[in-house]
């Protein structure tokens, strides 16, 4: 899958969360494809790109923040 849909939602085309978001988007599209029992409206399918971007950032940023928090606590 091309990342071209996701790249405009990130500050740079090389943001480390883009591959994560791409995998999430692929999974969401597979799970909500017509005939899968989880059909969604076309306008809802368009929102999957934004949802994948947000989830990709969360999945990337959360571990980074936890490591940073742990380092801050170790300094005190």
Foldseek 3Di string as FASTA:
>chain_A
DDLVLQQVVDPHNVPPLSVQLVVQLVVVCVCQPPPNVNDDDPVVNSCSSVVSNVVSCCVVVVVVVVVVVVVVVVVD
